[in-house]
Amino acid sequence: MSAAWRLLSTAQRLADGPRLWALTRGVLESADEVALAESSVWGLGRVLAGEHDELWGGVIDLPRDDDAVAVLLDVLVSVPADDVIVIRDGVASVARLRPTERVPEGDPVTCRPDGTYLVTGGLGVLGLEVADWLADRGARRLVLAGRRPLPPRHTWQTWHDDGDERIRRIQALEARGVTVRVVSLDIADAARTARVLAALDLPPIRGVVHAAGVLDNRLSRDTDADSLRAVLSPKAGGAWTLHSLFPPGSLDFLALFSSCGYLLGLPGQAAYGAANAFLDALAAHRPDTVSLGWTSWRGMGMARNDIVDRELKARGVTDISRDEAFEAWDHAARLGAAHFPVFGVTEPGDTEQLPILSEVTTARPTASAVVVEDSFTGLPPAQLRERLLVEVGAQIAGEMRLPAAALDVRRSLVEQGLDSVLTMVVRRRLEKRFGQKLPTTLLWHQPSVSAITDHLVTALSTRS
């Protein structure tokens, strides 16, 4: 986690300073452990770009065996800014997602009836869906690993709390003839994980799905070393444990559950983005491994979050159904893909297009900023403020899912339920509504509807 923390702590110190760039080596190929250790910087950097575009310069990835300082200087002064820039053979390139067009030639995901299959995060919503799907694909022995233990089996018939649904799903699998072992462990603890799996006395593990993870949404400025570690440990640390216990060639497949969120610069996902970027790099590092960069699974999982879904939609990305998710996984397996972002795309509309999505989404230009500017042109200061106060309140209330009348315009919005991640969403909504670039610290220094209105009165009056 050292590389990610070094970048994050530097960004926090330079909040009002010069543009920040990060340098990595060999992360694109991730051929060795040093490059893998630096890969988290790619995820963190993309989230920093989404939260602080005024601060972030980008990540530049150089080849590991080449002194490219001269090219690096050329990039800094001549190449248009992008979240991640890769330099190979003196040429700078950037990432762009493309739809898969090639017809898959490989085999779909299948399970051997004489093998065992491990699912980390196996007692979570997605983990249980994966268990069902693996059983459909022929798995007869499943090990479901999770941090939260289930009650003893002899009490299952009378258990009636939040564990009841998990128990019911396991019993349904067993009714199909599937042997299910449930283990409680921290997958990042390699020694204990090895002991627990060995003690199960089951046939060899032939496939692993790493769906464990912790989502702790907080802005980069609010992320400390402990919160970064808490997110990296189960996801990145757990993936490294699995890589160590099951070296390349020992498994038929290793599927890592990543997220597309950091590719889109979703605010509040600094730690989560760092962890998922490591998973994507690990998939490039070893064969027979795929990292699936999921969008939200409709109505389920950690991504079942209204703010996350709104942020995805604002970028032209939508959720997917359970069946679409497994169809995409099968497609990735047949393609032999290492990193496979999976998401739906909205119809062309009034959305801000990200460069990384330029080849998979389209957005028609909008004249909303012009209309907004004209609607306030020539108003006397008092009338301008009165109209802005109503409109600012309506915009913020809309993001908070509150009636506009419920907001106290003079009281701090944080005291009324606006969290740190939502402050970024509100700022972008106001920028779009009023056609005015607003500082990232807007809601720190103007914490109420009234204060934000005063800021906009000054900005729009000056612009006029």
Protein backbone atom coordinates (compact mmCIF):
# COMPACT_ATOMS: atom_id res chain seq x y z
CA MET A 1 0.00 0.00 0.00
CA SER A 2 3.07 2.26 0.30
CA ALA A 3 2.87 3.64 -3.25
CA ALA A 4 -0.83 4.49 -2.94
CA TRP A 5 -0.38 6.14 0.46
CA ARG A 6 2.61 8.15 -0.77
CA LEU A 7 0.53 9.58 -3.62
CA LEU A 8 -2.57 10.14 -1.49
CA SER A 9 -0.74 11.94 1.33
CA THR A 10 1.09 14.11 -1.21
CA ALA A 11 -2.21 15.07 -2.85
CA GLN A 12 -3.63 16.05 0.54
CA ARG A 13 -0.65 18.33 1.22
CA LEU A 14 -0.83 19.94 -2.24
CA ALA A 15 -4.57 20.62 -2.22
CA ASP A 16 -3.97 24.24 -3.22
CA GLY A 17 -0.57 23.84 -4.84
CA PRO A 18 0.91 22.97 -8.26
CA ARG A 19 -0.30 20.12 -10.45
CA LEU A 20 0.64 16.68 -9.20
CA TRP A 21 2.05 13.95 -11.45
CA ALA A 22 2.90 10.37 -10.52
CA LEU A 23 5.53 8.20 -12.19
CA THR A 24 5.28 4.40 -12.42
CA ARG A 25 7.33 1.82 -14.30
CA GLY A 26 6.06 -1.24 -16.08
CA VAL A 27 2.54 -1.23 -14.64
CA LEU A 28 0.97 -1.75 -18.08
CA GLU A 29 2.58 -5.19 -18.39
CA SER A 30 2.84 -5.85 -14.62
CA ALA A 31 5.54 -8.42 -15.31
CA ASP A 32 7.11 -8.28 -11.85
CA GLU A 33 6.20 -7.61 -8.24
CA VAL A 34 7.61 -4.09 -8.23
CA ALA A 35 5.25 -3.05 -11.02
CA LEU A 36 2.35 -4.79 -9.27
CA ALA A 37 3.08 -2.81 -6.10
CA GLU A 38 2.85 0.44 -8.08
CA SER A 39 -0.36 -0.49 -9.90
CA SER A 40 -2.61 0.88 -7.15
CA VAL A 41 -1.38 4.37 -8.11
CA TRP A 42 -3.28 4.05 -11.41
CA GLY A 43 -6.60 3.54 -9.64
CA LEU A 44 -5.98 6.21 -7.04
CA GLY A 45 -4.81 8.66 -9.69
CA ARG A 46 -7.97 8.31 -11.76
CA VAL A 47 -10.12 8.99 -8.70
CA LEU A 48 -7.99 12.02 -7.80
CA ALA A 49 -8.60 13.29 -11.33
CA GLY A 50 -12.35 12.97 -10.77
CA GLU A 51 -12.25 14.74 -7.42
CA HIS A 52 -9.56 17.37 -8.06
CA ASP A 53 -9.12 18.09 -11.75
CA GLU A 54 -7.51 21.41 -10.80
CA LEU A 55 -4.72 19.53 -8.95
CA TRP A 56 -4.20 16.35 -10.92
CA GLY A 57 -1.72 16.16 -13.78
CA GLY A 58 -1.72 12.42 -14.45
CA VAL A 59 0.17 9.14 -14.11
CA ILE A 60 3.01 8.46 -16.53
CA ASP A 61 4.08 4.84 -16.90
CA LEU A 62 7.59 4.26 -18.25
CA PRO A 63 9.11 0.93 -19.30
CA ARG A 64 11.02 -0.78 -16.50
CA ASP A 65 14.20 -1.34 -18.48
CA ASP A 66 14.53 2.01 -20.21
CA ASP A 67 15.81 5.43 -19.24
CA ALA A 68 13.01 7.54 -20.70
CA VAL A 69 13.65 10.80 -18.87
CA ALA A 70 13.96 12.79 -22.11
CA VAL A 71 10.66 11.44 -23.40
CA LEU A 72 9.11 12.07 -20.00
CA LEU A 73 9.99 15.75 -20.21
CA ASP A 74 8.50 15.95 -23.71
CA VAL A 75 5.27 14.41 -22.43
CA LEU A 76 5.00 16.88 -19.57
CA VAL A 77 5.23 19.86 -21.91
CA SER A 78 3.55 18.63 -25.10
CA VAL A 79 1.08 15.77 -24.59
CA PRO A 80 -2.52 16.70 -23.71
CA ALA A 81 -3.39 15.81 -20.15
CA ASP A 82 -4.93 12.42 -19.44
CA ASP A 83 -5.43 10.34 -16.31
CA VAL A 84 -2.82 7.72 -17.29
CA ILE A 85 -0.23 8.08 -20.06
CA VAL A 86 1.90 5.09 -21.08
CA ILE A 87 5.22 5.60 -22.88
CA ARG A 88 6.64 2.71 -24.90
CA ASP A 89 9.32 2.98 -27.60
CA GLY A 90 9.20 6.75 -27.30
CA VAL A 91 5.47 6.91 -28.08
CA ALA A 92 2.86 8.16 -25.61
CA SER A 93 -0.53 6.43 -25.54
CA VAL A 94 -3.65 6.64 -23.40
CA ALA A 95 -6.40 4.19 -22.47
CA ARG A 96 -9.68 4.06 -24.37
CA LEU A 97 -12.32 1.39 -23.79
CA ARG A 98 -13.71 -0.37 -26.87
CA PRO A 99 -16.67 -2.72 -27.30
CA THR A 100 -15.69 -6.35 -27.78
CA GLU A 101 -16.27 -7.28 -31.41
CA ARG A 102 -14.19 -10.43 -31.86
CA VAL A 103 -16.14 -13.69 -31.75
CA PRO A 104 -14.85 -15.69 -28.78
CA GLU A 105 -12.95 -18.85 -29.67
CA GLY A 106 -12.13 -20.25 -26.24
CA ASP A 107 -14.14 -22.32 -23.81
CA PRO A 108 -16.78 -20.94 -21.45
CA VAL A 109 -16.43 -21.24 -17.69
CA THR A 110 -16.91 -24.87 -16.67
CA CYS A 111 -16.38 -26.71 -13.40
CA ARG A 112 -15.05 -30.21 -12.91
CA PRO A 113 -17.37 -32.45 -10.90
CA ASP A 114 -14.36 -33.92 -9.08
CA GLY A 115 -12.87 -30.53 -8.12
CA THR A 116 -13.47 -27.94 -5.40
CA TYR A 117 -14.25 -24.25 -6.02
CA LEU A 118 -13.48 -21.42 -3.62
CA VAL A 119 -15.47 -18.17 -3.45
CA THR A 120 -14.12 -15.41 -1.21
CA GLY A 121 -16.79 -13.00 -0.08
CA GLY A 122 -18.88 -16.10 -0.60
CA LEU A 123 -21.53 -15.16 1.95
CA GLY A 124 -22.19 -11.76 0.39
CA VAL A 125 -24.96 -11.07 -2.08
CA LEU A 126 -22.73 -11.43 -5.14
CA GLY A 127 -20.83 -14.35 -3.64
CA LEU A 128 -24.01 -16.37 -3.20
CA GLU A 129 -25.07 -15.59 -6.77
CA VAL A 130 -21.66 -16.82 -7.94
CA ALA A 131 -22.07 -20.01 -5.92
CA ASP A 132 -25.39 -20.73 -7.66
CA TRP A 133 -23.84 -20.05 -11.07
CA LEU A 134 -20.84 -22.31 -10.43
CA ALA A 135 -23.23 -25.06 -9.39
CA ASP A 136 -25.05 -24.53 -12.70
CA ARG A 137 -21.67 -24.96 -14.42
CA GLY A 138 -21.03 -28.33 -12.78
CA ALA A 139 -19.43 -27.53 -9.42
CA ARG A 140 -20.24 -30.19 -6.82
CA ARG A 141 -18.06 -28.86 -3.99
CA LEU A 142 -18.00 -25.21 -2.93
CA VAL A 143 -16.05 -23.44 -0.21
CA LEU A 144 -17.64 -20.12 0.73
CA ALA A 145 -15.27 -17.88 2.67
CA GLY A 146 -16.39 -14.77 4.52
CA ARG A 147 -15.46 -12.67 7.51
CA ARG A 148 -18.82 -12.95 9.26
CA PRO A 149 -19.40 -16.44 10.61
CA LEU A 150 -22.72 -18.22 10.32
CA PRO A 151 -24.36 -19.76 13.40
CA PRO A 152 -23.70 -23.46 14.11
CA ARG A 153 -25.42 -25.78 11.65
CA HIS A 154 -27.54 -27.47 14.31
CA THR A 155 -29.33 -24.12 14.88
CA TRP A 156 -30.07 -23.37 11.22
CA GLN A 157 -33.63 -24.66 11.26
CA THR A 158 -34.61 -22.13 13.93
CA TRP A 159 -32.43 -19.18 12.96
CA HIS A 160 -34.38 -16.04 12.10
CA ASP A 161 -32.20 -12.95 11.63
CA ASP A 162 -30.05 -11.42 8.88
CA GLY A 163 -28.21 -14.72 8.50
CA ASP A 164 -31.43 -16.49 7.55
CA GLU A 165 -31.22 -15.65 3.83
CA ARG A 166 -27.61 -16.83 3.61
CA ILE A 167 -28.54 -20.07 5.33
CA ARG A 168 -31.50 -20.57 3.01
CA ARG A 169 -29.29 -20.10 -0.06
CA ILE A 170 -26.75 -22.62 1.22
CA GLN A 171 -29.47 -25.15 2.00
CA ALA A 172 -30.85 -24.70 -1.52
CA LEU A 173 -27.41 -25.52 -2.95
CA GLU A 174 -27.12 -28.59 -0.77
CA ALA A 175 -30.58 -29.72 -1.88
CA ARG A 176 -29.12 -29.79 -5.41
CA GLY A 177 -26.44 -32.23 -4.28
CA VAL A 178 -23.69 -29.64 -3.84
CA THR A 179 -21.35 -30.00 -0.86
CA VAL A 180 -20.96 -26.55 0.72
CA ARG A 181 -18.30 -25.75 3.32
CA VAL A 182 -18.49 -22.36 5.01
CA VAL A 183 -15.31 -20.92 6.52
CA SER A 184 -14.81 -17.70 8.45
CA LEU A 185 -11.46 -16.08 7.77
CA ASP A 186 -9.58 -12.96 6.74
CA ILE A 187 -8.41 -13.88 3.26
CA ALA A 188 -5.50 -11.43 3.55
CA ASP A 189 -4.03 -13.65 6.31
CA ALA A 190 -2.15 -16.07 4.07
CA ALA A 191 -0.93 -18.44 6.77
CA ARG A 192 -4.35 -18.93 8.36
CA THR A 193 -6.06 -19.19 4.98
CA ALA A 194 -3.68 -21.99 3.99
CA ARG A 195 -4.32 -23.85 7.26
CA VAL A 196 -8.11 -23.52 7.02
CA LEU A 197 -8.27 -24.71 3.42
CA ALA A 198 -5.94 -27.65 4.10
CA ALA A 199 -8.07 -28.74 7.07
CA LEU A 200 -11.18 -29.09 4.88
CA ASP A 201 -9.87 -32.36 3.44
CA LEU A 202 -11.56 -31.81 0.08
CA PRO A 203 -10.40 -32.60 -3.47
CA PRO A 204 -8.00 -30.04 -4.98
CA ILE A 205 -9.30 -26.53 -5.59
CA ARG A 206 -9.61 -26.04 -9.35
CA GLY A 207 -11.12 -22.56 -9.53
CA VAL A 208 -11.26 -19.45 -7.36
CA VAL A 209 -13.54 -16.41 -7.43
CA HIS A 210 -12.29 -13.47 -5.37
CA ALA A 211 -15.39 -11.42 -4.55
CA ALA A 212 -14.31 -10.21 -1.11
CA GLY A 213 -14.08 -6.49 -0.51
CA VAL A 214 -14.91 -3.51 1.65
CA LEU A 215 -16.36 -0.29 0.24
CA ASP A 216 -15.62 2.74 2.43
CA ASN A 217 -16.74 5.77 0.43
CA ARG A 218 -14.81 8.85 1.48
CA LEU A 219 -13.12 11.63 -0.44
CA SER A 220 -9.36 11.50 -0.88
CA ARG A 221 -8.91 14.41 1.51
CA ASP A 222 -10.66 12.36 4.23
CA THR A 223 -8.81 9.09 3.58
CA ASP A 224 -6.10 8.26 6.12
CA ALA A 225 -3.62 5.39 6.22
CA ASP A 226 -5.91 3.21 8.34
CA SER A 227 -8.95 3.59 6.06
CA LEU A 228 -6.77 2.97 3.00
CA ARG A 229 -5.40 -0.19 4.58
CA ALA A 230 -8.87 -1.38 5.61
CA VAL A 231 -10.01 -1.35 1.97
CA LEU A 232 -6.78 -2.60 0.38
CA SER A 233 -6.35 -5.54 2.77
CA PRO A 234 -9.33 -7.77 1.86
CA LYS A 235 -9.31 -6.93 -1.84
CA ALA A 236 -5.66 -6.44 -2.85
CA GLY A 237 -4.14 -8.32 0.09
CA GLY A 238 -6.64 -11.13 -0.37
CA ALA A 239 -5.84 -11.36 -4.09
CA TRP A 240 -2.13 -11.62 -3.30
CA THR A 241 -2.84 -14.42 -0.82
CA LEU A 242 -4.70 -16.33 -3.51
CA HIS A 243 -1.90 -15.71 -6.01
CA SER A 244 0.61 -17.08 -3.50
CA LEU A 245 -1.42 -20.14 -2.46
CA PHE A 246 -2.44 -20.99 -6.03
CA PRO A 247 0.52 -20.21 -8.31
CA PRO A 248 0.03 -19.92 -12.07
CA GLY A 249 -0.85 -23.27 -13.60
CA SER A 250 -2.48 -24.70 -10.48
CA LEU A 251 -6.01 -23.46 -11.27
CA ASP A 252 -8.34 -23.74 -14.23
CA PHE A 253 -9.40 -20.15 -13.57
CA LEU A 254 -9.02 -17.29 -11.13
CA ALA A 255 -11.72 -14.61 -11.42
CA LEU A 256 -11.14 -11.32 -9.59
CA PHE A 257 -14.12 -9.05 -8.92
CA SER A 258 -12.94 -5.53 -9.66
CA SER A 259 -14.95 -2.39 -10.45
CA CYS A 260 -15.21 0.04 -13.36
CA GLY A 261 -15.66 2.92 -10.90
CA TYR A 262 -12.05 4.06 -10.77
CA LEU A 263 -11.81 4.10 -14.58
CA LEU A 264 -14.62 6.67 -14.49
CA GLY A 265 -13.10 8.73 -11.68
CA LEU A 266 -16.00 8.17 -9.27
CA PRO A 267 -15.56 10.46 -6.24
CA GLY A 268 -15.17 8.84 -2.84
CA GLN A 269 -13.45 5.72 -4.17
CA ALA A 270 -9.77 6.56 -3.67
CA ALA A 271 -9.02 3.46 -1.60
CA TYR A 272 -11.42 1.23 -3.52
CA GLY A 273 -9.97 2.37 -6.83
CA ALA A 274 -6.43 1.68 -5.63
CA ALA A 275 -7.43 -1.86 -4.62
CA ASN A 276 -9.23 -2.60 -7.88
CA ALA A 277 -6.36 -1.33 -10.01
CA PHE A 278 -4.14 -3.87 -8.23
CA LEU A 279 -6.58 -6.65 -9.16
CA ASP A 280 -6.51 -5.56 -12.80
CA ALA A 281 -2.71 -5.57 -12.81
CA LEU A 282 -2.56 -9.00 -11.15
CA ALA A 283 -4.76 -10.40 -13.93
CA ALA A 284 -2.24 -9.08 -16.46
CA HIS A 285 0.58 -10.61 -14.42
CA ARG A 286 -0.61 -14.23 -14.36
CA PRO A 287 -2.26 -16.53 -16.93
CA ASP A 288 -5.75 -18.03 -16.64
CA THR A 289 -6.85 -14.99 -14.65
CA VAL A 290 -9.52 -12.42 -15.43
CA SER A 291 -10.32 -9.21 -13.56
CA LEU A 292 -13.94 -8.24 -14.14
CA GLY A 293 -14.48 -4.48 -13.76
CA TRP A 294 -18.13 -4.53 -12.78
CA THR A 295 -20.62 -1.73 -12.84
CA SER A 296 -23.51 -2.09 -10.37
CA TRP A 297 -25.36 -5.39 -10.42
CA ARG A 298 -28.96 -4.26 -10.54
CA GLY A 299 -30.45 -4.22 -7.05
CA MET A 300 -27.66 -6.11 -5.31
CA GLY A 301 -24.16 -5.98 -3.88
CA MET A 302 -22.01 -3.19 -2.47
CA ALA A 303 -22.80 -1.11 -5.53
CA ARG A 304 -26.47 -0.87 -4.47
CA ASN A 305 -26.03 2.79 -3.72
CA ASP A 306 -28.14 5.62 -5.09
CA ILE A 307 -25.24 8.08 -5.26
CA VAL A 308 -23.00 5.60 -7.09
CA ASP A 309 -25.76 4.81 -9.58
CA ARG A 310 -26.38 8.52 -10.23
CA GLU A 311 -22.66 9.13 -10.73
CA LEU A 312 -22.46 6.24 -13.18
CA LYS A 313 -25.46 7.51 -15.12
CA ALA A 314 -23.97 11.01 -15.27
CA ARG A 315 -21.03 9.46 -17.12
CA GLY A 316 -23.20 7.55 -19.58
CA VAL A 317 -22.88 4.21 -17.75
CA THR A 318 -25.67 2.02 -16.40
CA ASP A 319 -26.02 -1.05 -14.23
CA ILE A 320 -26.43 -4.61 -15.50
CA SER A 321 -28.63 -7.54 -14.55
CA ARG A 322 -27.39 -10.73 -12.93
CA ASP A 323 -27.80 -12.65 -16.19
CA GLU A 324 -25.92 -9.97 -18.14
CA ALA A 325 -23.07 -10.16 -15.63
CA PHE A 326 -22.60 -13.89 -16.00
CA GLU A 327 -22.95 -13.69 -19.77
CA ALA A 328 -20.17 -11.09 -19.81
CA TRP A 329 -17.98 -13.25 -17.57
CA ASP A 330 -18.41 -16.20 -19.92
CA HIS A 331 -17.58 -13.95 -22.88
CA ALA A 332 -14.40 -12.74 -21.15
CA ALA A 333 -13.37 -16.31 -20.38
CA ARG A 334 -13.83 -17.35 -24.00
CA LEU A 335 -11.84 -14.33 -25.20
CA GLY A 336 -9.03 -15.04 -22.78
CA ALA A 337 -9.19 -11.43 -21.58
CA ALA A 338 -7.18 -10.36 -18.55
CA HIS A 339 -8.96 -7.08 -17.70
CA PHE A 340 -12.58 -6.87 -18.78
CA PRO A 341 -14.64 -3.81 -17.73
CA VAL A 342 -18.36 -4.65 -17.77
CA PHE A 343 -21.11 -2.02 -17.84
CA GLY A 344 -24.18 -0.89 -19.71
CA VAL A 345 -24.19 2.25 -21.84
CA THR A 346 -26.95 4.85 -21.81
CA GLU A 347 -28.58 6.22 -24.93
CA PRO A 348 -26.94 9.38 -26.28
CA GLY A 349 -28.11 12.26 -24.20
CA ASP A 350 -27.21 15.23 -22.06
CA THR A 351 -24.21 13.60 -20.36
CA GLU A 352 -20.60 14.65 -19.98
CA GLN A 353 -18.46 12.25 -21.96
CA LEU A 354 -15.24 10.98 -20.42
CA PRO A 355 -12.28 10.55 -22.80
CA ILE A 356 -11.86 6.90 -21.77
CA LEU A 357 -15.45 6.24 -22.92
CA SER A 358 -15.19 8.14 -26.21
CA GLU A 359 -15.33 4.95 -28.30
CA VAL A 360 -18.22 3.30 -26.45
CA THR A 361 -20.55 6.20 -25.64
CA THR A 362 -21.70 9.30 -27.47
CA ALA A 363 -23.20 12.49 -26.10
CA ARG A 364 -24.87 15.21 -28.09
CA PRO A 365 -23.81 18.76 -27.25
CA THR A 366 -26.08 20.68 -24.96
CA ALA A 367 -26.98 24.35 -25.00
CA SER A 368 -28.06 24.32 -21.36
CA ALA A 369 -25.21 26.55 -20.23
CA VAL A 370 -26.14 29.20 -22.80
CA VAL A 371 -29.79 29.05 -21.82
CA VAL A 372 -28.92 29.37 -18.15
CA GLU A 373 -26.67 32.33 -18.71
CA ASP A 374 -29.34 34.11 -20.76
CA SER A 375 -32.03 33.42 -18.16
CA PHE A 376 -30.13 35.48 -15.57
CA THR A 377 -28.77 38.18 -17.84
CA GLY A 378 -29.65 41.77 -16.97
CA LEU A 379 -31.38 41.05 -13.66
CA PRO A 380 -30.92 43.59 -10.84
CA PRO A 381 -28.71 42.17 -8.03
CA ALA A 382 -31.58 41.67 -5.58
CA GLN A 383 -33.74 39.85 -8.12
CA LEU A 384 -30.78 37.82 -9.35
CA ARG A 385 -30.06 36.63 -5.82
CA GLU A 386 -33.70 35.81 -5.17
CA ARG A 387 -33.96 33.66 -8.29
CA LEU A 388 -30.62 31.98 -7.69
CA LEU A 389 -31.52 31.16 -4.09
CA VAL A 390 -34.59 29.24 -5.26
CA GLU A 391 -32.74 27.48 -8.07
CA VAL A 392 -29.68 26.53 -5.97
CA GLY A 393 -31.95 25.13 -3.27
CA ALA A 394 -33.90 23.10 -5.82
CA GLN A 395 -30.75 21.66 -7.39
CA ILE A 396 -29.22 20.64 -4.06
CA ALA A 397 -32.48 19.26 -2.71
CA GLY A 398 -32.78 17.17 -5.86
CA GLU A 399 -29.42 15.52 -5.22
CA MET A 400 -30.26 14.97 -1.54
CA ARG A 401 -33.64 13.49 -2.48
CA LEU A 402 -35.46 16.06 -0.35
CA PRO A 403 -38.27 18.53 -1.03
CA ALA A 404 -36.77 21.97 -1.62
CA ALA A 405 -38.86 23.36 1.23
CA ALA A 406 -37.16 20.95 3.64
CA LEU A 407 -33.80 22.69 3.31
CA ASP A 408 -32.87 25.51 5.67
CA VAL A 409 -31.03 27.87 3.30
CA ARG A 410 -28.95 29.43 6.10
CA ARG A 411 -27.96 26.21 7.85
CA SER A 412 -24.92 24.12 6.92
CA LEU A 413 -25.81 21.47 4.35
CA VAL A 414 -23.60 18.94 6.13
CA GLU A 415 -25.74 19.37 9.25
CA GLN A 416 -28.76 18.61 7.06
CA GLY A 417 -27.38 15.30 5.78
CA LEU A 418 -25.04 16.17 2.90
CA ASP A 419 -22.05 13.81 3.11
CA SER A 420 -18.57 14.47 1.74
CA VAL A 421 -19.03 12.39 -1.42
CA LEU A 422 -22.32 14.09 -2.24
CA THR A 423 -20.60 17.49 -2.04
CA MET A 424 -18.71 16.57 -5.23
CA VAL A 425 -21.94 15.52 -6.93
CA VAL A 426 -23.67 18.75 -5.91
CA ARG A 427 -20.79 20.89 -7.18
CA ARG A 428 -20.87 19.25 -10.60
CA ARG A 429 -24.65 19.59 -10.80
CA LEU A 430 -24.39 23.32 -10.04
CA GLU A 431 -21.61 23.72 -12.61
CA LYS A 432 -23.78 22.12 -15.24
CA ARG A 433 -26.90 24.08 -14.27
CA PHE A 434 -25.24 27.50 -14.23
CA GLY A 435 -22.51 27.00 -16.84
CA GLN A 436 -19.95 28.14 -14.29
CA LYS A 437 -16.74 26.41 -13.17
CA LEU A 438 -16.82 26.15 -9.38
CA PRO A 439 -13.93 25.50 -6.97
CA THR A 440 -13.63 22.01 -5.47
CA THR A 441 -13.66 23.66 -2.03
CA LEU A 442 -17.00 25.38 -2.73
CA LEU A 443 -18.97 23.64 0.01
CA TRP A 444 -16.17 24.04 2.53
CA HIS A 445 -16.15 27.82 2.22
CA GLN A 446 -19.82 28.25 1.25
CA PRO A 447 -21.49 25.56 3.39
CA SER A 448 -25.13 26.69 3.03
CA VAL A 449 -27.55 27.33 0.17
CA SER A 450 -27.43 31.02 0.99
CA ALA A 451 -23.62 31.17 0.91
CA ILE A 452 -23.45 29.25 -2.37
CA THR A 453 -26.00 31.66 -3.83
CA ASP A 454 -23.86 34.65 -2.84
CA HIS A 455 -20.87 33.05 -4.57
CA LEU A 456 -22.88 32.50 -7.75
CA VAL A 457 -24.30 36.04 -7.70
CA THR A 458 -20.76 37.40 -7.73
CA ALA A 459 -19.57 34.95 -10.39
CA LEU A 460 -22.50 35.48 -12.76
CA SER A 461 -22.50 39.24 -12.28
CA THR A 462 -18.79 39.38 -13.12
CA ARG A 463 -19.33 37.16 -16.14
CA SER A 464 -22.12 39.42 -17.41
